[in-house]
């Protein structure tokens, strides 16, 4: 796994809307630093980084980054109470 991905994953899930502007900007810059496309292993690791909301659009950037990977990450339908971003990834991959 490339260092940029390890750093992003190590910082955990994206913050929610209550986070400071500086924190949201920092996480957005971390995402921008990750070269595209990601590997399958990197995409699987990045799935754990979705937070409780869209983090002022940063979650969309994360979703699009994960989708640059070679294969759909989620191949089993997420549970009804799963994170909304996991459901979106699954559905956007065609609901395998």
C-alpha atoms as a PDB file:
ATOM      1  CA  UNK A   1       0.000   0.000   0.000  1.00  0.00           C
ATOM      2  CA  UNK A   2       1.348   3.399  -0.927  1.00  0.00           C
ATOM      3  CA  UNK A   3       2.267   5.806   1.888  1.00  0.00           C
ATOM      4  CA  UNK A   4      -0.418   8.348   0.949  1.00  0.00           C
ATOM      5  CA  UNK A   5      -3.119   5.714   1.377  1.00  0.00           C
ATOM      6  CA  UNK A   6      -1.622   4.403   4.625  1.00  0.00           C
ATOM      7  CA  UNK A   7      -1.597   7.941   6.041  1.00  0.00           C
ATOM      8  CA  UNK A   8      -5.218   8.586   5.091  1.00  0.00           C
ATOM      9  CA  UNK A   9      -6.423   5.244   6.472  1.00  0.00           C
ATOM     10  CA  UNK A  10      -4.408   5.677   9.677  1.00  0.00           C
ATOM     11  CA  UNK A  11      -6.273   8.927  10.385  1.00  0.00           C
ATOM     12  CA  UNK A  12      -9.539   6.973  10.488  1.00  0.00           C
ATOM     13  CA  UNK A  13     -13.010   7.840   9.243  1.00  0.00           C
ATOM     14  CA  UNK A  14     -13.824  11.228   7.799  1.00  0.00           C
ATOM     15  CA  UNK A  15     -15.092  13.713  10.364  1.00  0.00           C
ATOM     16  CA  UNK A  16     -18.687  14.882  10.419  1.00  0.00           C
ATOM     17  CA  UNK A  17     -20.050  18.342   9.667  1.00  0.00           C
ATOM     18  CA  UNK A  18     -19.104  19.547  13.146  1.00  0.00           C
ATOM     19  CA  UNK A  19     -15.372  19.238  12.416  1.00  0.00           C
ATOM     20  CA  UNK A  20     -13.262  22.326  11.993  1.00  0.00           C
ATOM     21  CA  UNK A  21     -12.673  23.730   8.544  1.00  0.00           C
ATOM     22  CA  UNK A  22      -8.958  23.054   9.005  1.00  0.00           C
ATOM     23  CA  UNK A  23      -9.585  19.345   9.703  1.00  0.00           C
ATOM     24  CA  UNK A  24     -11.877  18.953   6.713  1.00  0.00           C
ATOM     25  CA  UNK A  25      -9.363  20.737   4.470  1.00  0.00           C
ATOM     26  CA  UNK A  26      -6.551  18.524   5.786  1.00  0.00           C
ATOM     27  CA  UNK A  27      -8.442  15.336   4.972  1.00  0.00           C
ATOM     28  CA  UNK A  28      -9.377  16.700   1.538  1.00  0.00           C
ATOM     29  CA  UNK A  29      -5.705  17.436   0.818  1.00  0.00           C
ATOM     30  CA  UNK A  30      -4.769  13.919   1.945  1.00  0.00           C
ATOM     31  CA  UNK A  31      -7.244  12.474  -0.557  1.00  0.00           C
ATOM     32  CA  UNK A  32      -5.968  14.714  -3.344  1.00  0.00           C
ATOM     33  CA  UNK A  33      -2.432  13.445  -2.693  1.00  0.00           C
ATOM     34  CA  UNK A  34      -3.385   9.824  -3.423  1.00  0.00           C
ATOM     35  CA  UNK A  35      -2.403   8.942  -7.010  1.00  0.00           C
ATOM     36  CA  UNK A  36      -5.130   7.457  -9.179  1.00  0.00           C
ATOM     37  CA  UNK A  37      -5.992   4.685  -9.813  1.00  0.00           C
ATOM     38  CA  UNK A  38      -5.879   2.907  -6.479  1.00  0.00           C
ATOM     39  CA  UNK A  39      -5.087  -0.777  -6.175  1.00  0.00           C
ATOM     40  CA  UNK A  40      -7.673  -3.327  -5.066  1.00  0.00           C
ATOM     41  CA  UNK A  41      -6.045  -3.540  -1.612  1.00  0.00           C
ATOM     42  CA  UNK A  42      -5.992   0.245  -1.273  1.00  0.00           C
ATOM     43  CA  UNK A  43      -9.664   0.500  -2.288  1.00  0.00           C
ATOM     44  CA  UNK A  44     -10.610  -2.103   0.338  1.00  0.00           C
ATOM     45  CA  UNK A  45      -8.697  -0.175   3.008  1.00  0.00           C
ATOM     46  CA  UNK A  46     -10.233   3.159   2.003  1.00  0.00           C
ATOM     47  CA  UNK A  47     -13.789   1.807   2.425  1.00  0.00           C
ATOM     48  CA  UNK A  48     -13.263   1.961   6.187  1.00  0.00           C
ATOM     49  CA  UNK A  49     -12.765   5.733   6.011  1.00  0.00           C
ATOM     50  CA  UNK A  50     -16.334   6.876   5.393  1.00  0.00           C
ATOM     51  CA  UNK A  51     -17.755   8.930   8.222  1.00  0.00           C
ATOM     52  CA  UNK A  52     -21.308   9.574   9.372  1.00  0.00           C
ATOM     53  CA  UNK A  53     -22.150  12.161   6.679  1.00  0.00           C
ATOM     54  CA  UNK A  54     -20.773  13.614   3.445  1.00  0.00           C
ATOM     55  CA  UNK A  55     -18.180  15.789   5.233  1.00  0.00           C
ATOM     56  CA  UNK A  56     -18.964  18.774   2.995  1.00  0.00           C
ATOM     57  CA  UNK A  57     -18.441  16.688  -0.149  1.00  0.00           C
ATOM     58  CA  UNK A  58     -15.202  14.998   0.877  1.00  0.00           C
ATOM     59  CA  UNK A  59     -17.018  11.644   1.105  1.00  0.00           C
ATOM     60  CA  UNK A  60     -17.905  11.948  -2.588  1.00  0.00           C
ATOM     61  CA  UNK A  61     -14.226  12.436  -3.380  1.00  0.00           C
ATOM     62  CA  UNK A  62     -13.430   9.316  -1.364  1.00  0.00           C
ATOM     63  CA  UNK A  63     -16.154   7.335  -3.148  1.00  0.00           C
ATOM     64  CA  UNK A  64     -14.843   8.372  -6.572  1.00  0.00           C
ATOM     65  CA  UNK A  65     -11.275   7.503  -5.532  1.00  0.00           C
ATOM     66  CA  UNK A  66     -12.352   4.022  -4.418  1.00  0.00           C
ATOM     67  CA  UNK A  67     -14.134   3.550  -7.740  1.00  0.00           C
ATOM     68  CA  UNK A  68     -10.826   4.013  -9.601  1.00  0.00           C
ATOM     69  CA  UNK A  69      -9.791   0.610  -8.273  1.00  0.00           C
ATOM     70  CA  UNK A  70      -9.815  -2.387 -10.616  1.00  0.00           C
ATOM     71  CA  UNK A  71     -12.835  -4.181  -9.154  1.00  0.00           C
ATOM     72  CA  UNK A  72     -15.952  -3.378  -7.139  1.00  0.00           C
ATOM     73  CA  UNK A  73     -15.009  -3.342  -3.468  1.00  0.00           C
ATOM     74  CA  UNK A  74     -18.335  -4.390  -1.996  1.00  0.00           C
ATOM     75  CA  UNK A  75     -19.715  -7.528  -3.622  1.00  0.00           C
ATOM     76  CA  UNK A  76     -22.205  -8.422  -0.903  1.00  0.00           C
ATOM     77  CA  UNK A  77     -25.263  -6.244  -0.285  1.00  0.00           C
ATOM     78  CA  UNK A  78     -24.602  -4.134   2.823  1.00  0.00           C
ATOM     79  CA  UNK A  79     -26.992  -4.538   5.731  1.00  0.00           C
ATOM     80  CA  UNK A  80     -29.892  -2.075   5.910  1.00  0.00           C
ATOM     81  CA  UNK A  81     -28.205  -0.255   8.790  1.00  0.00           C
ATOM     82  CA  UNK A  82     -24.813  -0.056   7.017  1.00  0.00           C
ATOM     83  CA  UNK A  83     -23.088   3.224   6.326  1.00  0.00           C
ATOM     84  CA  UNK A  84     -24.884   5.057   3.502  1.00  0.00           C
ATOM     85  CA  UNK A  85     -21.616   5.289   1.545  1.00  0.00           C
ATOM     86  CA  UNK A  86     -21.167   1.528   1.591  1.00  0.00           C
ATOM     87  CA  UNK A  87     -24.681   1.160   0.177  1.00  0.00           C
ATOM     88  CA  UNK A  88     -23.892   3.730  -2.519  1.00  0.00           C
ATOM     89  CA  UNK A  89     -20.696   1.957  -3.538  1.00  0.00           C
ATOM     90  CA  UNK A  90     -22.552  -1.334  -3.794  1.00  0.00           C
ATOM     91  CA  UNK A  91     -25.411   0.158  -5.806  1.00  0.00           C
ATOM     92  CA  UNK A  92     -23.116   2.107  -8.133  1.00  0.00           C
ATOM     93  CA  UNK A  93     -21.248  -1.122  -8.917  1.00  0.00           C
ATOM     94  CA  UNK A  94     -24.495  -2.558 -10.230  1.00  0.00           C
ATOM     95  CA  UNK A  95     -25.725  -4.162  -7.051  1.00  0.00           C
ATOM     96  CA  UNK A  96     -23.753  -7.265  -7.902  1.00  0.00           C
END
